[in-house]
N, C-alpha and C. Protein backbone atom coordinates (compact mmCIF):
# COMPACT_ATOMS: atom_id res chain seq x y z
N MET A 1 -39.17 -57.08 53.50
CA MET A 1 -38.66 -58.25 52.83
C MET A 1 -39.67 -59.40 52.93
N PHE A 2 -39.98 -59.81 54.17
CA PHE A 2 -40.98 -60.86 54.36
C PHE A 2 -42.29 -60.22 54.78
N LYS A 3 -43.37 -60.77 54.30
CA LYS A 3 -44.68 -60.23 54.62
C LYS A 3 -45.09 -60.71 56.02
N GLN A 4 -45.37 -59.78 56.90
CA GLN A 4 -45.76 -60.12 58.27
C GLN A 4 -47.24 -60.45 58.33
N ARG A 5 -47.58 -61.43 59.15
CA ARG A 5 -48.99 -61.77 59.34
C ARG A 5 -49.64 -60.77 60.29
N LYS A 6 -50.89 -60.48 60.04
CA LYS A 6 -51.64 -59.62 60.95
C LYS A 6 -52.27 -60.48 62.03
N ASN A 7 -52.40 -59.90 63.20
CA ASN A 7 -53.06 -60.62 64.29
C ASN A 7 -54.53 -60.80 63.99
N LYS A 8 -55.08 -61.91 64.44
CA LYS A 8 -56.50 -62.17 64.24
C LYS A 8 -57.31 -61.24 65.14
N THR A 9 -58.43 -60.77 64.62
CA THR A 9 -59.32 -59.95 65.43
C THR A 9 -60.67 -60.64 65.52
N PHE A 10 -61.31 -60.48 66.65
CA PHE A 10 -62.59 -61.12 66.90
C PHE A 10 -63.60 -60.07 67.33
N ASN A 11 -64.83 -60.21 66.88
CA ASN A 11 -65.91 -59.35 67.33
C ASN A 11 -66.67 -60.10 68.41
N TYR A 12 -66.18 -60.05 69.63
CA TYR A 12 -66.80 -60.77 70.72
C TYR A 12 -67.83 -59.89 71.39
N LYS A 13 -69.01 -60.45 71.56
CA LYS A 13 -70.06 -59.75 72.28
C LYS A 13 -70.62 -60.73 73.29
N SER A 14 -70.52 -60.40 74.55
CA SER A 14 -70.96 -61.34 75.57
C SER A 14 -72.46 -61.52 75.52
N ARG A 15 -72.89 -62.68 75.95
CA ARG A 15 -74.31 -63.03 75.89
C ARG A 15 -75.12 -62.22 76.89
N PHE A 16 -74.55 -61.96 78.05
CA PHE A 16 -75.29 -61.28 79.11
C PHE A 16 -74.62 -59.96 79.48
N SER A 17 -74.38 -59.12 78.51
CA SER A 17 -73.73 -57.85 78.81
C SER A 17 -74.73 -56.87 79.40
N LYS A 18 -74.21 -55.93 80.16
CA LYS A 18 -75.06 -54.92 80.81
C LYS A 18 -75.70 -54.00 79.77
N GLU A 19 -75.01 -53.77 78.65
CA GLU A 19 -75.57 -52.89 77.62
C GLU A 19 -76.84 -53.47 77.03
N ASP A 20 -76.86 -54.80 76.82
CA ASP A 20 -78.06 -55.45 76.28
C ASP A 20 -79.23 -55.31 77.23
N GLN A 21 -78.95 -55.45 78.52
CA GLN A 21 -80.03 -55.34 79.51
C GLN A 21 -80.58 -53.93 79.55
N ASN A 22 -79.70 -52.94 79.41
CA ASN A 22 -80.17 -51.56 79.41
C ASN A 22 -80.96 -51.25 78.14
N ASP A 23 -80.53 -51.80 77.02
CA ASP A 23 -81.24 -51.55 75.76
C ASP A 23 -82.64 -52.16 75.78
N LEU A 24 -82.76 -53.33 76.37
CA LEU A 24 -84.04 -54.02 76.40
C LEU A 24 -84.94 -53.54 77.53
N GLY A 25 -84.38 -52.75 78.45
CA GLY A 25 -85.17 -52.25 79.57
C GLY A 25 -85.43 -53.32 80.62
N LEU A 26 -84.52 -54.28 80.75
CA LEU A 26 -84.69 -55.34 81.74
C LEU A 26 -84.31 -54.83 83.12
N GLU A 27 -84.96 -55.37 84.10
CA GLU A 27 -84.66 -55.00 85.48
C GLU A 27 -83.91 -56.15 86.12
N ASP A 28 -83.27 -55.87 87.26
CA ASP A 28 -82.46 -56.89 87.92
C ASP A 28 -83.22 -57.66 88.99
N ASN A 29 -84.53 -57.56 89.06
CA ASN A 29 -85.27 -58.36 90.03
C ASN A 29 -85.51 -59.75 89.45
N PHE A 30 -85.60 -60.73 90.34
CA PHE A 30 -85.68 -62.11 89.91
C PHE A 30 -87.07 -62.69 90.16
N ASP A 31 -88.08 -62.13 89.55
CA ASP A 31 -89.42 -62.69 89.62
C ASP A 31 -89.47 -63.94 88.76
N THR A 32 -90.43 -64.82 89.05
CA THR A 32 -90.51 -66.05 88.27
C THR A 32 -90.92 -65.76 86.83
N GLU A 33 -91.80 -64.80 86.60
CA GLU A 33 -92.18 -64.47 85.23
C GLU A 33 -91.01 -63.85 84.48
N ASP A 34 -90.26 -63.00 85.18
CA ASP A 34 -89.11 -62.37 84.55
C ASP A 34 -88.06 -63.42 84.19
N PHE A 35 -87.82 -64.35 85.11
CA PHE A 35 -86.86 -65.43 84.85
C PHE A 35 -87.33 -66.29 83.69
N ALA A 36 -88.61 -66.61 83.66
CA ALA A 36 -89.15 -67.45 82.59
C ALA A 36 -89.04 -66.76 81.24
N SER A 37 -89.31 -65.48 81.20
CA SER A 37 -89.22 -64.77 79.92
C SER A 37 -87.77 -64.67 79.44
N LYS A 38 -86.83 -64.46 80.36
CA LYS A 38 -85.42 -64.45 79.98
C LYS A 38 -85.01 -65.81 79.46
N TRP A 39 -85.46 -66.84 80.12
CA TRP A 39 -85.10 -68.21 79.73
C TRP A 39 -85.67 -68.53 78.35
N GLN A 40 -86.90 -68.11 78.07
CA GLN A 40 -87.51 -68.36 76.77
C GLN A 40 -86.74 -67.65 75.66
N ARG A 41 -86.30 -66.42 75.93
CA ARG A 41 -85.53 -65.68 74.92
C ARG A 41 -84.19 -66.36 74.65
N GLN A 42 -83.50 -66.78 75.71
CA GLN A 42 -82.19 -67.39 75.54
C GLN A 42 -82.28 -68.79 74.97
N ARG A 43 -83.37 -69.48 75.20
CA ARG A 43 -83.52 -70.85 74.72
C ARG A 43 -83.50 -70.90 73.20
N GLY A 44 -84.07 -69.91 72.56
CA GLY A 44 -84.10 -69.88 71.10
C GLY A 44 -82.75 -69.54 70.48
N LYS A 45 -81.82 -68.99 71.26
CA LYS A 45 -80.53 -68.57 70.72
C LYS A 45 -79.47 -69.65 70.78
N ASN A 46 -79.77 -70.79 71.40
CA ASN A 46 -78.78 -71.84 71.52
C ASN A 46 -78.40 -72.39 70.16
N VAL A 47 -77.12 -72.60 69.97
CA VAL A 47 -76.61 -73.15 68.72
C VAL A 47 -76.05 -74.52 69.01
N GLN A 48 -76.52 -75.52 68.28
CA GLN A 48 -76.02 -76.86 68.48
C GLN A 48 -74.82 -77.08 67.60
N VAL A 49 -73.78 -77.63 68.20
CA VAL A 49 -72.56 -77.91 67.47
C VAL A 49 -72.53 -79.39 67.14
N LYS A 50 -72.35 -79.70 65.88
CA LYS A 50 -72.29 -81.10 65.48
C LYS A 50 -70.95 -81.68 65.86
N GLY A 51 -70.97 -82.94 66.24
CA GLY A 51 -69.73 -83.63 66.54
C GLY A 51 -69.00 -84.00 65.27
N ALA A 52 -67.79 -84.54 65.42
CA ALA A 52 -67.00 -84.90 64.26
C ALA A 52 -67.67 -86.03 63.49
N LEU A 53 -68.09 -87.09 64.19
CA LEU A 53 -68.78 -88.21 63.56
C LEU A 53 -69.99 -88.59 64.41
N PRO A 54 -71.07 -88.98 63.79
CA PRO A 54 -72.24 -89.41 64.55
C PRO A 54 -71.95 -90.72 65.31
N VAL A 55 -72.71 -90.96 66.34
CA VAL A 55 -72.50 -92.13 67.18
C VAL A 55 -72.72 -93.41 66.38
N ARG A 56 -73.70 -93.42 65.50
CA ARG A 56 -73.95 -94.62 64.69
C ARG A 56 -72.74 -94.98 63.84
N THR A 57 -72.11 -93.99 63.27
CA THR A 57 -70.92 -94.24 62.45
C THR A 57 -69.79 -94.81 63.28
N LEU A 58 -69.59 -94.27 64.47
CA LEU A 58 -68.54 -94.77 65.35
C LEU A 58 -68.80 -96.22 65.76
N ILE A 59 -70.03 -96.56 66.06
CA ILE A 59 -70.37 -97.93 66.45
C ILE A 59 -70.16 -98.87 65.26
N LEU A 60 -70.55 -98.44 64.07
CA LEU A 60 -70.36 -99.25 62.87
C LEU A 60 -68.87 -99.51 62.61
N VAL A 61 -68.06 -98.49 62.76
CA VAL A 61 -66.61 -98.66 62.56
C VAL A 61 -66.04 -99.61 63.61
N LEU A 62 -66.50 -99.50 64.84
CA LEU A 62 -66.02 -100.38 65.91
C LEU A 62 -66.39 -101.83 65.62
N VAL A 63 -67.60 -102.07 65.18
CA VAL A 63 -68.04 -103.43 64.87
C VAL A 63 -67.23 -103.99 63.70
N LEU A 64 -67.03 -103.21 62.67
CA LEU A 64 -66.24 -103.66 61.53
C LEU A 64 -64.79 -103.95 61.93
N LEU A 65 -64.23 -103.13 62.78
CA LEU A 65 -62.88 -103.35 63.27
C LEU A 65 -62.77 -104.64 64.06
N LEU A 66 -63.73 -104.89 64.94
CA LEU A 66 -63.73 -106.13 65.72
C LEU A 66 -63.91 -107.34 64.82
N LEU A 67 -64.76 -107.24 63.81
CA LEU A 67 -64.96 -108.33 62.86
C LEU A 67 -63.67 -108.63 62.08
N CYS A 68 -63.01 -107.60 61.62
CA CYS A 68 -61.75 -107.79 60.90
C CYS A 68 -60.68 -108.41 61.80
N MET A 69 -60.61 -107.97 63.04
CA MET A 69 -59.64 -108.55 63.98
C MET A 69 -59.93 -110.03 64.20
N TYR A 70 -61.18 -110.38 64.33
CA TYR A 70 -61.57 -111.78 64.54
C TYR A 70 -61.20 -112.63 63.33
N LEU A 71 -61.52 -112.14 62.14
CA LEU A 71 -61.22 -112.90 60.92
C LEU A 71 -59.71 -113.06 60.71
N LEU A 72 -58.94 -112.01 60.97
CA LEU A 72 -57.49 -112.11 60.82
C LEU A 72 -56.88 -113.06 61.84
N GLU A 73 -57.42 -113.06 63.04
CA GLU A 73 -56.92 -113.97 64.07
C GLU A 73 -57.19 -115.41 63.68
N LYS A 74 -58.37 -115.69 63.17
CA LYS A 74 -58.72 -117.07 62.76
C LYS A 74 -57.86 -117.51 61.56
N LYS A 75 -57.56 -116.59 60.67
CA LYS A 75 -56.80 -116.93 59.47
C LYS A 75 -55.34 -117.27 59.80
N TYR A 76 -54.73 -116.50 60.69
CA TYR A 76 -53.30 -116.66 60.97
C TYR A 76 -53.00 -117.50 62.21
N MET A 77 -53.98 -117.98 62.92
CA MET A 77 -53.72 -118.81 64.11
C MET A 77 -54.03 -120.25 63.83
């Protein structure tokens, strides 16, 4: 009678899974060169998420709001 919704499915793959390390042939020793190479690989994969509004826009809105409040206060007082 009523159409049922299907559950959402996600293809989640962890960033540091054991399968990836085995595929790449990485070892579990923590040499400085090994750490640096891992860090260089992961550094390129970072994704930056944009905020809802830029900081400049928020400051501009705040200044305009304060200006309007000041003008309305002077007009009605």
